[in-house]
Amino acid sequence: VSLNSIDKVKAFVNDISGFEAEFDLVAGRY
């Protein structure tokens, strides 16, 4: 996924918060 702006991050979190599934973002060792 590309989350390269503040607005995109906010919209992304709002969109996935409606699901009961677990979501992890993985960047390198984080």
Full PDB file with SEQRES, HELIX, SHEET, SSBOND, CRYST1, ORIGX, SCALE, CONECT and MASTER records, all heavy atoms in Angstrom:
SEQRES   1 A   30  VAL SER LEU ASN SER ILE ASP LYS VAL LYS ALA PHE VAL          
SEQRES   2 A   30  ASN ASP ILE SER GLY PHE GLU ALA GLU PHE ASP LEU VAL          
SEQRES   3 A   30  ALA GLY ARG TYR                                              
HELIX    1 AA1 ILE A    6  SER A   17  1                                  12    
CRYST1    1.000    1.000    1.000  90.00  90.00  90.00 P 1           1          
ORIGX1      1.000000  0.000000  0.000000        0.00000                         
ORIGX2      0.000000  1.000000  0.000000        0.00000                         
ORIGX3      0.000000  0.000000  1.000000        0.00000                         
SCALE1      1.000000  0.000000  0.000000        0.00000                         
SCALE2      0.000000  1.000000  0.000000        0.00000                         
SCALE3      0.000000  0.000000  1.000000        0.00000                         
ATOM      1  N   VAL A   1       0.834  -1.198   0.000  1.00  0.00           N  
ATOM      2  CA  VAL A   1       0.000   0.000   0.000  1.00  0.00           C  
ATOM      3  C   VAL A   1       0.866   1.244   0.000  1.00  0.00           C  
ATOM      4  O   VAL A   1       1.993   1.235   0.487  1.00  0.00           O  
ATOM      5  CB  VAL A   1      -0.971   0.030   1.206  1.00  0.00           C  
ATOM      6  CG1 VAL A   1      -1.991  -1.084   1.112  1.00  0.00           C  
ATOM      7  CG2 VAL A   1      -0.239  -0.035   2.525  1.00  0.00           C  
ATOM      8  N   SER A   2       0.307   2.320  -0.551  1.00  0.00           N  
ATOM      9  CA  SER A   2       0.966   3.618  -0.540  1.00  0.00           C  
ATOM     10  C   SER A   2       0.146   4.555   0.334  1.00  0.00           C  
ATOM     11  O   SER A   2      -1.034   4.795   0.066  1.00  0.00           O  
ATOM     12  CB  SER A   2       1.050   4.169  -1.966  1.00  0.00           C  
ATOM     13  OG  SER A   2       1.570   5.478  -1.947  1.00  0.00           O  
ATOM     14  N   LEU A   3       0.762   5.073   1.384  1.00  0.00           N  
ATOM     15  CA  LEU A   3       0.109   5.997   2.318  1.00  0.00           C  
ATOM     16  C   LEU A   3       0.961   7.261   2.409  1.00  0.00           C  
ATOM     17  O   LEU A   3       1.418   7.636   3.477  1.00  0.00           O  
ATOM     18  CB  LEU A   3      -0.033   5.341   3.697  1.00  0.00           C  
ATOM     19  CG  LEU A   3      -0.772   4.015   3.731  1.00  0.00           C  
ATOM     20  CD1 LEU A   3      -0.669   3.383   5.115  1.00  0.00           C  
ATOM     21  CD2 LEU A   3      -2.226   4.208   3.341  1.00  0.00           C  
ATOM     22  N   ASN A   4       1.170   7.915   1.264  1.00  0.00           N  
ATOM     23  CA  ASN A   4       2.161   8.981   1.182  1.00  0.00           C  
ATOM     24  C   ASN A   4       1.647  10.381   1.506  1.00  0.00           C  
ATOM     25  O   ASN A   4       2.289  11.364   1.161  1.00  0.00           O  
ATOM     26  CB  ASN A   4       2.813   8.959  -0.205  1.00  0.00           C  
ATOM     27  CG  ASN A   4       1.790   9.026  -1.317  1.00  0.00           C  
ATOM     28  OD1 ASN A   4       0.609   9.169  -1.067  1.00  0.00           O  
ATOM     29  ND2 ASN A   4       2.261   8.905  -2.535  1.00  0.00           N  
ATOM     30  N   SER A   5       0.500  10.489   2.180  1.00  0.00           N  
ATOM     31  CA  SER A   5       0.027  11.803   2.620  1.00  0.00           C  
ATOM     32  C   SER A   5      -0.785  11.644   3.902  1.00  0.00           C  
ATOM     33  O   SER A   5      -1.295  10.558   4.208  1.00  0.00           O  
ATOM     34  CB  SER A   5      -0.829  12.472   1.541  1.00  0.00           C  
ATOM     35  OG  SER A   5      -2.087  11.834   1.449  1.00  0.00           O  
ATOM     36  N   ILE A   6      -0.911  12.724   4.637  1.00  0.00           N  
ATOM     37  CA  ILE A   6      -1.665  12.698   5.893  1.00  0.00           C  
ATOM     38  C   ILE A   6      -3.123  12.330   5.631  1.00  0.00           C  
ATOM     39  O   ILE A   6      -3.708  11.528   6.354  1.00  0.00           O  
ATOM     40  CB  ILE A   6      -1.556  14.063   6.607  1.00  0.00           C  
ATOM     41  CG1 ILE A   6      -0.116  14.297   7.058  1.00  0.00           C  
ATOM     42  CG2 ILE A   6      -2.512  14.146   7.785  1.00  0.00           C  
ATOM     43  CD1 ILE A   6       0.166  15.694   7.565  1.00  0.00           C  
ATOM     44  N   ASP A   7      -3.706  12.910   4.588  1.00  0.00           N  
ATOM     45  CA  ASP A   7      -5.104  12.618   4.268  1.00  0.00           C  
ATOM     46  C   ASP A   7      -5.309  11.153   3.909  1.00  0.00           C  
ATOM     47  O   ASP A   7      -6.313  10.543   4.282  1.00  0.00           O  
ATOM     48  CB  ASP A   7      -5.592  13.507   3.118  1.00  0.00           C  
ATOM     49  CG  ASP A   7      -5.706  14.963   3.528  1.00  0.00           C  
ATOM     50  OD1 ASP A   7      -5.893  15.224   4.739  1.00  0.00           O  
ATOM     51  OD2 ASP A   7      -5.597  15.836   2.650  1.00  0.00           O  
ATOM     52  N   LYS A   8      -4.347  10.581   3.172  1.00  0.00           N  
ATOM     53  CA  LYS A   8      -4.433   9.160   2.803  1.00  0.00           C  
ATOM     54  C   LYS A   8      -4.367   8.278   4.043  1.00  0.00           C  
ATOM     55  O   LYS A   8      -5.089   7.290   4.138  1.00  0.00           O  
ATOM     56  CB  LYS A   8      -3.292   8.801   1.850  1.00  0.00           C  
ATOM     57  CG  LYS A   8      -3.743   8.452   0.463  1.00  0.00           C  
ATOM     58  CD  LYS A   8      -2.554   8.013  -0.355  1.00  0.00           C  
ATOM     59  CE  LYS A   8      -3.023   7.349  -1.620  1.00  0.00           C  
ATOM     60  NZ  LYS A   8      -1.942   6.947  -2.494  1.00  0.00           N  
ATOM     61  N   VAL A   9      -3.494   8.623   4.991  1.00  0.00           N  
ATOM     62  CA  VAL A   9      -3.366   7.834   6.223  1.00  0.00           C  
ATOM     63  C   VAL A   9      -4.679   7.865   7.002  1.00  0.00           C  
ATOM     64  O   VAL A   9      -5.176   6.829   7.443  1.00  0.00           O  
ATOM     65  CB  VAL A   9      -2.190   8.336   7.092  1.00  0.00           C  
ATOM     66  CG1 VAL A   9      -2.224   7.694   8.469  1.00  0.00           C  
ATOM     67  CG2 VAL A   9      -0.864   8.075   6.404  1.00  0.00           C  
ATOM     68  N   LYS A  10      -5.266   9.059   7.155  1.00  0.00           N  
ATOM     69  CA  LYS A  10      -6.534   9.180   7.890  1.00  0.00           C  
ATOM     70  C   LYS A  10      -7.634   8.366   7.219  1.00  0.00           C  
ATOM     71  O   LYS A  10      -8.368   7.633   7.883  1.00  0.00           O  
ATOM     72  CB  LYS A  10      -6.968  10.649   7.955  1.00  0.00           C  
ATOM     73  CG  LYS A  10      -6.185  11.492   8.910  1.00  0.00           C  
ATOM     74  CD  LYS A  10      -6.853  12.854   8.985  1.00  0.00           C  
ATOM     75  CE  LYS A  10      -5.874  13.936   9.313  1.00  0.00           C  
ATOM     76  NZ  LYS A  10      -6.471  15.265   9.232  1.00  0.00           N  
ATOM     77  N   ALA A  11      -7.756   8.486   5.895  1.00  0.00           N  
ATOM     78  CA  ALA A  11      -8.790   7.756   5.165  1.00  0.00           C  
ATOM     79  C   ALA A  11      -8.562   6.248   5.268  1.00  0.00           C  
ATOM     80  O   ALA A  11      -9.511   5.477   5.461  1.00  0.00           O  
ATOM     81  CB  ALA A  11      -8.806   8.200   3.703  1.00  0.00           C  
ATOM     82  N   PHE A  12      -7.303   5.822   5.160  1.00  0.00           N  
ATOM     83  CA  PHE A  12      -6.949   4.398   5.253  1.00  0.00           C  
ATOM     84  C   PHE A  12      -7.370   3.823   6.603  1.00  0.00           C  
ATOM     85  O   PHE A  12      -8.020   2.786   6.674  1.00  0.00           O  
ATOM     86  CB  PHE A  12      -5.438   4.245   5.039  1.00  0.00           C  
ATOM     87  CG  PHE A  12      -4.915   2.860   5.285  1.00  0.00           C  
ATOM     88  CD1 PHE A  12      -5.065   1.861   4.340  1.00  0.00           C  
ATOM     89  CD2 PHE A  12      -4.248   2.554   6.470  1.00  0.00           C  
ATOM     90  CE1 PHE A  12      -4.575   0.579   4.563  1.00  0.00           C  
ATOM     91  CE2 PHE A  12      -3.754   1.291   6.708  1.00  0.00           C  
ATOM     92  CZ  PHE A  12      -3.922   0.294   5.747  1.00  0.00           C  
ATOM     93  N   VAL A  13      -7.016   4.503   7.685  1.00  0.00           N  
ATOM     94  CA  VAL A  13      -7.364   4.012   9.028  1.00  0.00           C  
ATOM     95  C   VAL A  13      -8.878   3.962   9.195  1.00  0.00           C  
ATOM     96  O   VAL A  13      -9.420   2.988   9.731  1.00  0.00           O  
ATOM     97  CB  VAL A  13      -6.695   4.875  10.123  1.00  0.00           C  
ATOM     98  CG1 VAL A  13      -7.220   4.508  11.504  1.00  0.00           C  
ATOM     99  CG2 VAL A  13      -5.182   4.705  10.075  1.00  0.00           C  
ATOM    100  N   ASN A  14      -9.585   4.986   8.713  1.00  0.00           N  
ATOM    101  CA  ASN A  14     -11.053   4.974   8.790  1.00  0.00           C  
ATOM    102  C   ASN A  14     -11.636   3.805   8.002  1.00  0.00           C  
ATOM    103  O   ASN A  14     -12.577   3.159   8.456  1.00  0.00           O  
ATOM    104  CB  ASN A  14     -11.645   6.292   8.275  1.00  0.00           C  
ATOM    105  CG  ASN A  14     -11.482   7.418   9.272  1.00  0.00           C  
ATOM    106  OD1 ASN A  14     -11.354   7.185  10.468  1.00  0.00           O  
ATOM    107  ND2 ASN A  14     -11.476   8.635   8.780  1.00  0.00           N  
ATOM    108  N   ASP A  15     -11.084   3.542   6.823  1.00  0.00           N  
ATOM    109  CA  ASP A  15     -11.598   2.464   5.971  1.00  0.00           C  
ATOM    110  C   ASP A  15     -11.405   1.085   6.597  1.00  0.00           C  
ATOM    111  O   ASP A  15     -12.306   0.258   6.570  1.00  0.00           O  
ATOM    112  CB  ASP A  15     -10.938   2.501   4.593  1.00  0.00           C  
ATOM    113  CG  ASP A  15     -11.424   3.664   3.745  1.00  0.00           C  
ATOM    114  OD1 ASP A  15     -12.450   4.287   4.098  1.00  0.00           O  
ATOM    115  OD2 ASP A  15     -10.770   3.953   2.724  1.00  0.00           O  
ATOM    116  N   ILE A  16     -10.233   0.825   7.168  1.00  0.00           N  
ATOM    117  CA  ILE A  16      -9.984  -0.526   7.701  1.00  0.00           C  
ATOM    118  C   ILE A  16     -10.539  -0.718   9.109  1.00  0.00           C  
ATOM    119  O   ILE A  16     -10.715  -1.849   9.545  1.00  0.00           O  
ATOM    120  CB  ILE A  16      -8.486  -0.912   7.660  1.00  0.00           C  
ATOM    121  CG1 ILE A  16      -7.658  -0.062   8.601  1.00  0.00           C  
ATOM    122  CG2 ILE A  16      -7.972  -0.894   6.239  1.00  0.00           C  
ATOM    123  CD1 ILE A  16      -6.245  -0.587   8.800  1.00  0.00           C  
ATOM    124  N   SER A  17     -10.834   0.361   9.804  1.00  0.00           N  
ATOM    125  CA  SER A  17     -11.348   0.233  11.172  1.00  0.00           C  
ATOM    126  C   SER A  17     -12.726  -0.425  11.213  1.00  0.00           C  
ATOM    127  O   SER A  17     -13.128  -0.953  12.247  1.00  0.00           O  
ATOM    128  CB  SER A  17     -11.400   1.596  11.855  1.00  0.00           C  
ATOM    129  OG  SER A  17     -10.085   2.041  12.111  1.00  0.00           O  
ATOM    130  N   GLY A  18     -13.427  -0.415  10.093  1.00  0.00           N  
ATOM    131  CA  GLY A  18     -14.742  -1.044  10.046  1.00  0.00           C  
ATOM    132  C   GLY A  18     -14.693  -2.560   9.984  1.00  0.00           C  
ATOM    133  O   GLY A  18     -15.722  -3.217  10.134  1.00  0.00           O  
ATOM    134  N   PHE A  19     -13.523  -3.122   9.775  1.00  0.00           N  
ATOM    135  CA  PHE A  19     -13.385  -4.579   9.667  1.00  0.00           C  
ATOM    136  C   PHE A  19     -12.853  -5.154  10.964  1.00  0.00           C  
ATOM    137  O   PHE A  19     -12.054  -4.526  11.651  1.00  0.00           O  
ATOM    138  CB  PHE A  19     -12.426  -4.939   8.522  1.00  0.00           C  
ATOM    139  CG  PHE A  19     -12.943  -4.557   7.163  1.00  0.00           C  
ATOM    140  CD1 PHE A  19     -12.433  -3.452   6.513  1.00  0.00           C  
ATOM    141  CD2 PHE A  19     -13.925  -5.307   6.543  1.00  0.00           C  
ATOM    142  CE1 PHE A  19     -12.908  -3.090   5.264  1.00  0.00           C  
ATOM    143  CE2 PHE A  19     -14.400  -4.958   5.292  1.00  0.00           C  
ATOM    144  CZ  PHE A  19     -13.889  -3.842   4.653  1.00  0.00           C  
ATOM    145  N   GLU A  20     -13.281  -6.375  11.288  1.00  0.00           N  
ATOM    146  CA  GLU A  20     -12.795  -7.034  12.498  1.00  0.00           C  
ATOM    147  C   GLU A  20     -11.460  -7.729  12.293  1.00  0.00           C  
ATOM    148  O   GLU A  20     -10.834  -8.158  13.251  1.00  0.00           O  
ATOM    149  CB  GLU A  20     -13.833  -8.030  13.001  1.00  0.00           C  
ATOM    150  CG  GLU A  20     -15.050  -7.348  13.556  1.00  0.00           C  
ATOM    151  CD  GLU A  20     -15.922  -8.272  14.367  1.00  0.00           C  
ATOM    152  OE1 GLU A  20     -15.428  -9.316  14.841  1.00  0.00           O  
ATOM    153  OE2 GLU A  20     -17.088  -7.941  14.538  1.00  0.00           O  
ATOM    154  N   ALA A  21     -11.019  -7.831  11.053  1.00  0.00           N  
ATOM    155  CA  ALA A  21      -9.737  -8.479  10.770  1.00  0.00           C  
ATOM    156  C   ALA A  21      -8.600  -7.674  11.400  1.00  0.00           C  
ATOM    157  O   ALA A  21      -8.749  -6.491  11.693  1.00  0.00           O  
ATOM    158  CB  ALA A  21      -9.529  -8.579   9.260  1.00  0.00           C  
ATOM    159  N   GLU A  22      -7.473  -8.342  11.598  1.00  0.00           N  
ATOM    160  CA  GLU A  22      -6.276  -7.679  12.104  1.00  0.00           C  
ATOM    161  C   GLU A  22      -5.422  -7.238  10.919  1.00  0.00           C  
ATOM    162  O   GLU A  22      -5.283  -7.970   9.940  1.00  0.00           O  
ATOM    163  CB  GLU A  22      -5.468  -8.626  12.991  1.00  0.00           C  
ATOM    164  CG  GLU A  22      -6.184  -9.028  14.263  1.00  0.00           C  
ATOM    165  CD  GLU A  22      -6.371  -7.874  15.223  1.00  0.00           C  
ATOM    166  OE1 GLU A  22      -5.444  -7.053  15.375  1.00  0.00           O  
ATOM    167  OE2 GLU A  22      -7.464  -7.777  15.808  1.00  0.00           O  
ATOM    168  N   PHE A  23      -4.846  -6.054  11.013  1.00  0.00           N  
ATOM    169  CA  PHE A  23      -4.015  -5.499   9.954  1.00  0.00           C  
ATOM    170  C   PHE A  23      -2.690  -5.038  10.552  1.00  0.00           C  
ATOM    171  O   PHE A  23      -2.679  -4.312  11.541  1.00  0.00           O  
ATOM    172  CB  PHE A  23      -4.684  -4.268   9.322  1.00  0.00           C  
ATOM    173  CG  PHE A  23      -6.016  -4.538   8.682  1.00  0.00           C  
ATOM    174  CD1 PHE A  23      -7.180  -4.503   9.429  1.00  0.00           C  
ATOM    175  CD2 PHE A  23      -6.105  -4.807   7.329  1.00  0.00           C  
ATOM    176  CE1 PHE A  23      -8.414  -4.732   8.843  1.00  0.00           C  
ATOM    177  CE2 PHE A  23      -7.332  -5.033   6.730  1.00  0.00           C  
ATOM    178  CZ  PHE A  23      -8.489  -5.001   7.488  1.00  0.00           C  
ATOM    179  N   ASP A  24      -1.576  -5.458   9.944  1.00  0.00           N  
ATOM    180  CA  ASP A  24      -0.250  -5.005  10.357  1.00  0.00           C  
ATOM    181  C   ASP A  24       0.460  -4.388   9.164  1.00  0.00           C  
ATOM    182  O   ASP A  24       0.409  -4.926   8.054  1.00  0.00           O  
ATOM    183  CB  ASP A  24       0.618  -6.172  10.854  1.00  0.00           C  
ATOM    184  CG  ASP A  24       0.216  -6.662  12.228  1.00  0.00           C  
ATOM    185  OD1 ASP A  24      -0.390  -5.892  12.989  1.00  0.00           O  
ATOM    186  OD2 ASP A  24       0.526  -7.827  12.539  1.00  0.00           O  
ATOM    187  N   LEU A  25       1.135  -3.267   9.398  1.00  0.00           N  
ATOM    188  CA  LEU A  25       2.006  -2.681   8.387  1.00  0.00           C  
ATOM    189  C   LEU A  25       3.423  -3.100   8.719  1.00  0.00           C  
ATOM    190  O   LEU A  25       3.860  -2.997   9.871  1.00  0.00           O  
ATOM    191  CB  LEU A  25       1.888  -1.155   8.387  1.00  0.00           C  
ATOM    192  CG  LEU A  25       0.591  -0.614   7.803  1.00  0.00           C  
ATOM    193  CD1 LEU A  25       0.445   0.869   8.102  1.00  0.00           C  
ATOM    194  CD2 LEU A  25       0.537  -0.849   6.304  1.00  0.00           C  
ATOM    195  N   VAL A  26       4.159  -3.574   7.713  1.00  0.00           N  
ATOM    196  CA  VAL A  26       5.511  -4.073   7.912  1.00  0.00           C  
ATOM    197  C   VAL A  26       6.466  -3.264   7.042  1.00  0.00           C  
ATOM    198  O   VAL A  26       6.345  -3.249   5.824  1.00  0.00           O  
ATOM    199  CB  VAL A  26       5.614  -5.571   7.548  1.00  0.00           C  
ATOM    200  CG1 VAL A  26       7.022  -6.078   7.772  1.00  0.00           C  
ATOM    201  CG2 VAL A  26       4.604  -6.388   8.338  1.00  0.00           C  
ATOM    202  N   ALA A  27       7.385  -2.584   7.709  1.00  0.00           N  
ATOM    203  CA  ALA A  27       8.405  -1.805   7.002  1.00  0.00           C  
ATOM    204  C   ALA A  27       9.753  -2.197   7.595  1.00  0.00           C  
ATOM    205  O   ALA A  27      10.075  -1.827   8.726  1.00  0.00           O  
ATOM    206  CB  ALA A  27       8.164  -0.311   7.165  1.00  0.00           C  
ATOM    207  N   GLY A  28      10.516  -2.987   6.842  1.00  0.00           N  
ATOM    208  CA  GLY A  28      11.789  -3.479   7.364  1.00  0.00           C  
ATOM    209  C   GLY A  28      11.548  -4.367   8.561  1.00  0.00           C  
ATOM    210  O   GLY A  28      10.794  -5.329   8.497  1.00  0.00           O  
ATOM    211  N   ARG A  29      12.143  -4.015   9.688  1.00  0.00           N  
ATOM    212  CA  ARG A  29      11.964  -4.835  10.895  1.00  0.00           C  
ATOM    213  C   ARG A  29      10.868  -4.306  11.812  1.00  0.00           C  
ATOM    214  O   ARG A  29      10.636  -4.822  12.891  1.00  0.00           O  
ATOM    215  CB  ARG A  29      13.282  -4.944  11.662  1.00  0.00           C  
ATOM    216  CG  ARG A  29      13.834  -3.627  12.127  1.00  0.00           C  
ATOM    217  CD  ARG A  29      15.245  -3.817  12.695  1.00  0.00           C  
ATOM    218  NE  ARG A  29      15.819  -2.537  13.030  1.00  0.00           N  
ATOM    219  CZ  ARG A  29      16.010  -2.108  14.263  1.00  0.00           C  
ATOM    220  NH1 ARG A  29      15.678  -2.874  15.274  1.00  0.00           N  
ATOM    221  NH2 ARG A  29      16.548  -0.929  14.480  1.00  0.00           N  
ATOM    222  N   TYR A  30      10.162  -3.256  11.359  1.00  0.00           N  
ATOM    223  CA  TYR A  30       9.088  -2.671  12.161  1.00  0.00           C  
ATOM    224  C   TYR A  30       7.742  -3.236  11.748  1.00  0.00           C  
ATOM    225  O   TYR A  30       7.426  -3.309  10.570  1.00  0.00           O  
ATOM    226  CB  TYR A  30       9.070  -1.145  12.009  1.00  0.00           C  
ATOM    227  CG  TYR A  30      10.340  -0.497  12.473  1.00  0.00           C  
ATOM    228  CD1 TYR A  30      11.293  -0.062  11.564  1.00  0.00           C  
ATOM    229  CD2 TYR A  30      10.598  -0.342  13.831  1.00  0.00           C  
ATOM    230  CE1 TYR A  30      12.474   0.514  11.984  1.00  0.00           C  
ATOM    231  CE2 TYR A  30      11.780   0.232  14.268  1.00  0.00           C  
ATOM    232  CZ  TYR A  30      12.713   0.659  13.337  1.00  0.00           C  
ATOM    233  OH  TYR A  30      13.884   1.224  13.764  1.00  0.00           O  
TER     234      TYR A  30                                                      
MASTER        0    0    0    1    0    0    0    6  233    1    0    3          
END                                                                             
